Amino acid sequence: MANAFDPYREALVMEHQTIWPDEFEDWSAAEKAKVEERIHASPSEASELDYVRQHTGFARVITVTPGDIERVSVA
């Protein structure tokens, strides 16, 4: 289950990870990179956000949803 945005953990994020569902497998790496940049720029608005504890801090993991695509495409 995804976590809510957490400013404390966010300050300790050392790594960003993006999980792409199979429905986006035909997208090019360039298209995905552009969307990832926009989604990670505003993690508090991501539909599915998780923080994974690491030795040096946290990894922010966002699973891309159609809602996220729609939100960053409008921006």
PDB file of N, CA and C in Angstrom:
ATOM      1  N   MET A   1       0.836  -1.183   0.000  1.00  0.00           N
ATOM      2  CA  MET A   1       0.000   0.000   0.000  1.00  0.00           C
ATOM      3  C   MET A   1       0.881   1.247   0.000  1.00  0.00           C
ATOM      4  N   ALA A   2       0.500   2.217  -0.784  1.00  0.00           N
ATOM      5  CA  ALA A   2       1.290   3.434  -0.914  1.00  0.00           C
ATOM      6  C   ALA A   2       1.169   4.304   0.331  1.00  0.00           C
ATOM      7  N   ASN A   3       2.220   5.035   0.608  1.00  0.00           N
ATOM      8  CA  ASN A   3       2.247   5.963   1.731  1.00  0.00           C
ATOM      9  C   ASN A   3       1.779   7.335   1.277  1.00  0.00           C
ATOM     10  N   ALA A   4       1.436   8.151   2.245  1.00  0.00           N
ATOM     11  CA  ALA A   4       1.134   9.547   1.961  1.00  0.00           C
ATOM     12  C   ALA A   4       2.449  10.320   1.884  1.00  0.00           C
ATOM     13  N   PHE A   5       2.409  11.471   1.262  1.00  0.00           N
ATOM     14  CA  PHE A   5       3.585  12.329   1.185  1.00  0.00           C
ATOM     15  C   PHE A   5       4.032  12.663   2.603  1.00  0.00           C
ATOM     16  N   ASP A   6       5.320  12.564   2.857  1.00  0.00           N
ATOM     17  CA  ASP A   6       5.869  12.805   4.187  1.00  0.00           C
ATOM     18  C   ASP A   6       7.055  13.754   4.067  1.00  0.00           C
ATOM     19  N   PRO A   7       6.898  15.013   4.519  1.00  0.00           N
ATOM     20  CA  PRO A   7       7.994  15.985   4.392  1.00  0.00           C
ATOM     21  C   PRO A   7       9.275  15.540   5.087  1.00  0.00           C
ATOM     22  N   TYR A   8       9.156  14.855   6.219  1.00  0.00           N
ATOM     23  CA  TYR A   8      10.349  14.386   6.931  1.00  0.00           C
ATOM     24  C   TYR A   8      11.122  13.389   6.071  1.00  0.00           C
ATOM     25  N   ARG A   9      10.432  12.355   5.575  1.00  0.00           N
ATOM     26  CA  ARG A   9      11.102  11.360   4.726  1.00  0.00           C
ATOM     27  C   ARG A   9      11.586  11.987   3.430  1.00  0.00           C
ATOM     28  N   GLU A  10      10.792  12.920   2.898  1.00  0.00           N
ATOM     29  CA  GLU A  10      11.156  13.572   1.640  1.00  0.00           C
ATOM     30  C   GLU A  10      12.505  14.283   1.768  1.00  0.00           C
ATOM     31  N   ALA A  11      12.756  14.872   2.927  1.00  0.00           N
ATOM     32  CA  ALA A  11      14.033  15.554   3.152  1.00  0.00           C
ATOM     33  C   ALA A  11      15.201  14.578   3.177  1.00  0.00           C
ATOM     34  N   LEU A  12      14.914  13.305   3.392  1.00  0.00           N
ATOM     35  CA  LEU A  12      15.957  12.280   3.468  1.00  0.00           C
ATOM     36  C   LEU A  12      16.020  11.399   2.217  1.00  0.00           C
ATOM     37  N   VAL A  13      15.304  11.781   1.163  1.00  0.00           N
ATOM     38  CA  VAL A  13      15.300  10.991  -0.078  1.00  0.00           C
ATOM     39  C   VAL A  13      16.665  11.097  -0.751  1.00  0.00           C
ATOM     40  N   MET A  14      17.261   9.933  -1.006  1.00  0.00           N
ATOM     41  CA  MET A  14      18.570   9.867  -1.653  1.00  0.00           C
ATOM     42  C   MET A  14      18.475   9.322  -3.086  1.00  0.00           C
ATOM     43  N   GLU A  15      17.339   8.723  -3.411  1.00  0.00           N
ATOM     44  CA  GLU A  15      17.196   8.058  -4.704  1.00  0.00           C
ATOM     45  C   GLU A  15      15.740   8.146  -5.149  1.00  0.00           C
ATOM     46  N   HIS A  16      15.529   8.275  -6.463  1.00  0.00           N
ATOM     47  CA  HIS A  16      14.189   8.288  -7.040  1.00  0.00           C
ATOM     48  C   HIS A  16      14.028   7.045  -7.905  1.00  0.00           C
ATOM     49  N   GLN A  17      12.897   6.373  -7.763  1.00  0.00           N
ATOM     50  CA  GLN A  17      12.600   5.211  -8.596  1.00  0.00           C
ATOM     51  C   GLN A  17      11.201   5.384  -9.166  1.00  0.00           C
ATOM     52  N   THR A  18      11.017   4.909 -10.379  1.00  0.00           N
ATOM     53  CA  THR A  18       9.716   4.999 -11.028  1.00  0.00           C
ATOM     54  C   THR A  18       9.333   3.622 -11.542  1.00  0.00           C
ATOM     55  N   ILE A  19       8.129   3.215 -11.219  1.00  0.00           N
ATOM     56  CA  ILE A  19       7.608   1.935 -11.689  1.00  0.00           C
ATOM     57  C   ILE A  19       6.583   2.224 -12.775  1.00  0.00           C
ATOM     58  N   TRP A  20       6.819   1.632 -13.928  1.00  0.00           N
ATOM     59  CA  TRP A  20       5.928   1.824 -15.076  1.00  0.00           C
ATOM     60  C   TRP A  20       5.083   0.576 -15.282  1.00  0.00           C
ATOM     61  N   PRO A  21       3.755   0.678 -15.237  1.00  0.00           N
ATOM     62  CA  PRO A  21       2.887  -0.465 -15.538  1.00  0.00           C
ATOM     63  C   PRO A  21       3.054  -0.907 -16.990  1.00  0.00           C
ATOM     64  N   ASP A  22       2.668  -2.127 -17.269  1.00  0.00           N
ATOM     65  CA  ASP A  22       2.818  -2.700 -18.610  1.00  0.00           C
ATOM     66  C   ASP A  22       2.117  -1.894 -19.698  1.00  0.00           C
ATOM     67  N   GLU A  23       1.068  -1.175 -19.345  1.00  0.00           N
ATOM     68  CA  GLU A  23       0.325  -0.427 -20.356  1.00  0.00           C
ATOM     69  C   GLU A  23       1.155   0.685 -21.004  1.00  0.00           C
ATOM     70  N   PHE A  24       2.302   1.027 -20.405  1.00  0.00           N
ATOM     71  CA  PHE A  24       3.168   2.068 -20.957  1.00  0.00           C
ATOM     72  C   PHE A  24       4.434   1.493 -21.588  1.00  0.00           C
ATOM     73  N   GLU A  25       4.475   0.200 -21.839  1.00  0.00           N
ATOM     74  CA  GLU A  25       5.701  -0.425 -22.347  1.00  0.00           C
ATOM     75  C   GLU A  25       6.088   0.043 -23.746  1.00  0.00           C
ATOM     76  N   ASP A  26       5.129   0.565 -24.497  1.00  0.00           N
ATOM     77  CA  ASP A  26       5.444   1.016 -25.858  1.00  0.00           C
ATOM     78  C   ASP A  26       5.971   2.459 -25.895  1.00  0.00           C
ATOM     79  N   TRP A  27       6.046   3.116 -24.749  1.00  0.00           N
ATOM     80  CA  TRP A  27       6.579   4.481 -24.688  1.00  0.00           C
ATOM     81  C   TRP A  27       8.101   4.439 -24.839  1.00  0.00           C
ATOM     82  N   SER A  28       8.659   5.445 -25.472  1.00  0.00           N
ATOM     83  CA  SER A  28      10.111   5.528 -25.630  1.00  0.00           C
ATOM     84  C   SER A  28      10.753   5.945 -24.302  1.00  0.00           C
ATOM     85  N   ALA A  29      12.038   5.694 -24.188  1.00  0.00           N
ATOM     86  CA  ALA A  29      12.776   6.078 -22.980  1.00  0.00           C
ATOM     87  C   ALA A  29      12.740   7.595 -22.789  1.00  0.00           C
ATOM     88  N   ALA A  30      12.775   8.348 -23.877  1.00  0.00           N
ATOM     89  CA  ALA A  30      12.741   9.813 -23.798  1.00  0.00           C
ATOM     90  C   ALA A  30      11.399  10.302 -23.261  1.00  0.00           C
ATOM     91  N   GLU A  31      10.313   9.694 -23.735  1.00  0.00           N
ATOM     92  CA  GLU A  31       8.980  10.066 -23.241  1.00  0.00           C
ATOM     93  C   GLU A  31       8.853   9.765 -21.754  1.00  0.00           C
ATOM     94  N   LYS A  32       9.308   8.590 -21.365  1.00  0.00           N
ATOM     95  CA  LYS A  32       9.238   8.200 -19.954  1.00  0.00           C
ATOM     96  C   LYS A  32      10.086   9.128 -19.089  1.00  0.00           C
ATOM     97  N   ALA A  33      11.271   9.490 -19.560  1.00  0.00           N
ATOM     98  CA  ALA A  33      12.153  10.357 -18.786  1.00  0.00           C
ATOM     99  C   ALA A  33      11.512  11.722 -18.536  1.00  0.00           C
ATOM    100  N   LYS A  34      10.841  12.259 -19.563  1.00  0.00           N
ATOM    101  CA  LYS A  34      10.188  13.554 -19.409  1.00  0.00           C
ATOM    102  C   LYS A  34       9.064  13.485 -18.371  1.00  0.00           C
ATOM    103  N   VAL A  35       8.270  12.434 -18.431  1.00  0.00           N
ATOM    104  CA  VAL A  35       7.170  12.261 -17.477  1.00  0.00           C
ATOM    105  C   VAL A  35       7.720  12.020 -16.072  1.00  0.00           C
ATOM    106  N   GLU A  36       8.749  11.182 -15.945  1.00  0.00           N
ATOM    107  CA  GLU A  36       9.355  10.912 -14.637  1.00  0.00           C
ATOM    108  C   GLU A  36       9.851  12.203 -13.992  1.00  0.00           C
ATOM    109  N   GLU A  37      10.499  13.042 -14.770  1.00  0.00           N
ATOM    110  CA  GLU A  37      11.008  14.304 -14.237  1.00  0.00           C
ATOM    111  C   GLU A  37       9.872  15.154 -13.674  1.00  0.00           C
ATOM    112  N   ARG A  38       8.786  15.232 -14.408  1.00  0.00           N
ATOM    113  CA  ARG A  38       7.642  16.042 -13.954  1.00  0.00           C
ATOM    114  C   ARG A  38       6.953  15.430 -12.737  1.00  0.00           C
ATOM    115  N   ILE A  39       6.809  14.118 -12.724  1.00  0.00           N
ATOM    116  CA  ILE A  39       6.139  13.462 -11.597  1.00  0.00           C
ATOM    117  C   ILE A  39       6.977  13.597 -10.332  1.00  0.00           C
ATOM    118  N   HIS A  40       8.276  13.379 -10.441  1.00  0.00           N
ATOM    119  CA  HIS A  40       9.144  13.469  -9.256  1.00  0.00           C
ATOM    120  C   HIS A  40       9.354  14.916  -8.805  1.00  0.00           C
ATOM    121  N   ALA A  41       9.065  15.879  -9.669  1.00  0.00           N
ATOM    122  CA  ALA A  41       9.179  17.285  -9.282  1.00  0.00           C
ATOM    123  C   ALA A  41       8.095  17.688  -8.288  1.00  0.00           C
ATOM    124  N   SER A  42       6.979  16.958  -8.293  1.00  0.00           N
ATOM    125  CA  SER A  42       5.892  17.246  -7.349  1.00  0.00           C
ATOM    126  C   SER A  42       5.385  15.934  -6.744  1.00  0.00           C
ATOM    127  N   PRO A  43       6.202  15.293  -5.922  1.00  0.00           N
ATOM    128  CA  PRO A  43       5.821  13.981  -5.386  1.00  0.00           C
ATOM    129  C   PRO A  43       4.580  14.005  -4.513  1.00  0.00           C
ATOM    130  N   SER A  44       4.253  15.139  -3.925  1.00  0.00           N
ATOM    131  CA  SER A  44       3.057  15.209  -3.076  1.00  0.00           C
ATOM    132  C   SER A  44       1.780  14.990  -3.873  1.00  0.00           C
ATOM    133  N   GLU A  45       1.840  15.166  -5.185  1.00  0.00           N
ATOM    134  CA  GLU A  45       0.666  14.988  -6.038  1.00  0.00           C
ATOM    135  C   GLU A  45       0.601  13.609  -6.689  1.00  0.00           C
ATOM    136  N   ALA A  46       1.606  12.777  -6.490  1.00  0.00           N
ATOM    137  CA  ALA A  46       1.629  11.447  -7.098  1.00  0.00           C
ATOM    138  C   ALA A  46       0.517  10.563  -6.518  1.00  0.00           C
ATOM    139  N   SER A  47      -0.090   9.773  -7.377  1.00  0.00           N
ATOM    140  CA  SER A  47      -1.185   8.892  -6.950  1.00  0.00           C
ATOM    141  C   SER A  47      -0.688   7.741  -6.088  1.00  0.00           C
ATOM    142  N   GLU A  48       0.448   7.161  -6.463  1.00  0.00           N
ATOM    143  CA  GLU A  48       0.988   6.013  -5.732  1.00  0.00           C
ATOM    144  C   GLU A  48       2.442   6.288  -5.369  1.00  0.00           C
ATOM    145  N   LEU A  49       2.631   6.705  -4.133  1.00  0.00           N
ATOM    146  CA  LEU A  49       3.945   7.096  -3.627  1.00  0.00           C
ATOM    147  C   LEU A  49       4.323   6.178  -2.469  1.00  0.00           C
ATOM    148  N   ASP A  50       5.562   5.767  -2.458  1.00  0.00           N
ATOM    149  CA  ASP A  50       6.058   4.930  -1.367  1.00  0.00           C
ATOM    150  C   ASP A  50       7.476   5.374  -1.030  1.00  0.00           C
ATOM    151  N   TYR A  51       7.857   5.191   0.222  1.00  0.00           N
ATOM    152  CA  TYR A  51       9.219   5.468   0.656  1.00  0.00           C
ATOM    153  C   TYR A  51       9.824   4.161   1.118  1.00  0.00           C
ATOM    154  N   VAL A  52      10.983   3.846   0.596  1.00  0.00           N
ATOM    155  CA  VAL A  52      11.684   2.618   0.958  1.00  0.00           C
ATOM    156  C   VAL A  52      12.910   3.007   1.764  1.00  0.00           C
ATOM    157  N   ARG A  53      12.977   2.476   2.977  1.00  0.00           N
ATOM    158  CA  ARG A  53      14.101   2.782   3.878  1.00  0.00           C
ATOM    159  C   ARG A  53      15.375   2.180   3.314  1.00  0.00           C
ATOM    160  N   GLN A  54      16.414   2.990   3.262  1.00  0.00           N
ATOM    161  CA  GLN A  54      17.720   2.535   2.832  1.00  0.00           C
ATOM    162  C   GLN A  54      18.723   2.865   3.931  1.00  0.00           C
ATOM    163  N   HIS A  55      19.906   2.366   3.781  1.00  0.00           N
ATOM    164  CA  HIS A  55      20.932   2.586   4.796  1.00  0.00           C
ATOM    165  C   HIS A  55      21.223   4.069   5.012  1.00  0.00           C
ATOM    166  N   THR A  56      21.207   4.842   3.953  1.00  0.00           N
ATOM    167  CA  THR A  56      21.577   6.252   4.047  1.00  0.00           C
ATOM    168  C   THR A  56      20.392   7.210   4.019  1.00  0.00           C
ATOM    169  N   GLY A  57      19.186   6.712   3.961  1.00  0.00           N
ATOM    170  CA  GLY A  57      18.006   7.575   3.897  1.00  0.00           C
ATOM    171  C   GLY A  57      16.833   6.813   3.325  1.00  0.00           C
ATOM    172  N   PHE A  58      16.168   7.412   2.349  1.00  0.00           N
ATOM    173  CA  PHE A  58      15.006   6.788   1.730  1.00  0.00           C
ATOM    174  C   PHE A  58      15.108   6.849   0.212  1.00  0.00           C
ATOM    175  N   ALA A  59      14.444   5.910  -0.424  1.00  0.00           N
ATOM    176  CA  ALA A  59      14.221   5.968  -1.863  1.00  0.00           C
ATOM    177  C   ALA A  59      12.750   6.318  -2.048  1.00  0.00           C
ATOM    178  N   ARG A  60      12.482   7.301  -2.907  1.00  0.00           N
ATOM    179  CA  ARG A  60      11.105   7.629  -3.237  1.00  0.00           C
ATOM    180  C   ARG A  60      10.719   6.778  -4.442  1.00  0.00           C
ATOM    181  N   VAL A  61       9.654   5.996  -4.296  1.00  0.00           N
ATOM    182  CA  VAL A  61       9.191   5.125  -5.367  1.00  0.00           C
ATOM    183  C   VAL A  61       7.790   5.580  -5.783  1.00  0.00           C
ATOM    184  N   ILE A  62       7.664   5.955  -7.038  1.00  0.00           N
ATOM    185  CA  ILE A  62       6.371   6.369  -7.567  1.00  0.00           C
ATOM    186  C   ILE A  62       5.969   5.392  -8.663  1.00  0.00           C
ATOM    187  N   THR A  63       4.765   4.845  -8.518  1.00  0.00           N
ATOM    188  CA  THR A  63       4.198   3.996  -9.553  1.00  0.00           C
ATOM    189  C   THR A  63       3.315   4.881 -10.415  1.00  0.00           C
ATOM    190  N   VAL A  64       3.623   4.951 -11.686  1.00  0.00           N
ATOM    191  CA  VAL A  64       2.917   5.829 -12.619  1.00  0.00           C
ATOM    192  C   VAL A  64       1.506   5.303 -12.851  1.00  0.00           C
ATOM    193  N   THR A  65       0.540   6.215 -12.808  1.00  0.00           N
ATOM    194  CA  THR A  65      -0.858   5.880 -13.091  1.00  0.00           C
ATOM    195  C   THR A  65      -1.347   6.762 -14.241  1.00  0.00           C
ATOM    196  N   PRO A  66      -2.437   6.377 -14.888  1.00  0.00           N
ATOM    197  CA  PRO A  66      -2.992   7.247 -15.936  1.00  0.00           C
ATOM    198  C   PRO A  66      -3.312   8.654 -15.404  1.00  0.00           C
ATOM    199  N   GLY A  67      -3.738   8.755 -14.153  1.00  0.00           N
ATOM    200  CA  GLY A  67      -4.015  10.065 -13.563  1.00  0.00           C
ATOM    201  C   GLY A  67      -2.774  10.930 -13.478  1.00  0.00           C
ATOM    202  N   ASP A  68      -1.636  10.311 -13.157  1.00  0.00           N
ATOM    203  CA  ASP A  68      -0.377  11.054 -13.112  1.00  0.00           C
ATOM    204  C   ASP A  68      -0.009  11.567 -14.502  1.00  0.00           C
ATOM    205  N   ILE A  69      -0.183  10.721 -15.496  1.00  0.00           N
ATOM    206  CA  ILE A  69       0.126  11.107 -16.878  1.00  0.00           C
ATOM    207  C   ILE A  69      -0.724  12.299 -17.281  1.00  0.00           C
ATOM    208  N   GLU A  70      -2.002  12.228 -16.976  1.00  0.00           N
ATOM    209  CA  GLU A  70      -2.914  13.317 -17.309  1.00  0.00           C
ATOM    210  C   GLU A  70      -2.525  14.608 -16.589  1.00  0.00           C
ATOM    211  N   ARG A  71      -2.172  14.491 -15.325  1.00  0.00           N
ATOM    212  CA  ARG A  71      -1.822  15.667 -14.520  1.00  0.00           C
ATOM    213  C   ARG A  71      -0.566  16.365 -15.054  1.00  0.00           C
ATOM    214  N   VAL A  72       0.473  15.618 -15.386  1.00  0.00           N
ATOM    215  CA  VAL A  72       1.715  16.253 -15.853  1.00  0.00           C
ATOM    216  C   VAL A  72       1.654  16.645 -17.314  1.00  0.00           C
ATOM    217  N   SER A  73       0.743  16.065 -18.078  1.00  0.00           N
ATOM    218  CA  SER A  73       0.602  16.434 -19.487  1.00  0.00           C
ATOM    219  C   SER A  73      -0.055  17.780 -19.627  1.00  0.00           C
ATOM    220  N   VAL A  74      -0.902  18.143 -18.674  1.00  0.00           N
ATOM    221  CA  VAL A  74      -1.600  19.417 -18.689  1.00  0.00           C
ATOM    222  C   VAL A  74      -0.656  20.540 -18.306  1.00  0.00           C
ATOM    223  N   ALA A  75       0.287  20.218 -17.422  1.00  0.00           N
ATOM    224  CA  ALA A  75       1.192  21.254 -16.899  1.00  0.00           C
ATOM    225  C   ALA A  75       2.132  21.780 -17.955  1.00  0.00           C
TER     226      ALA A  75
END
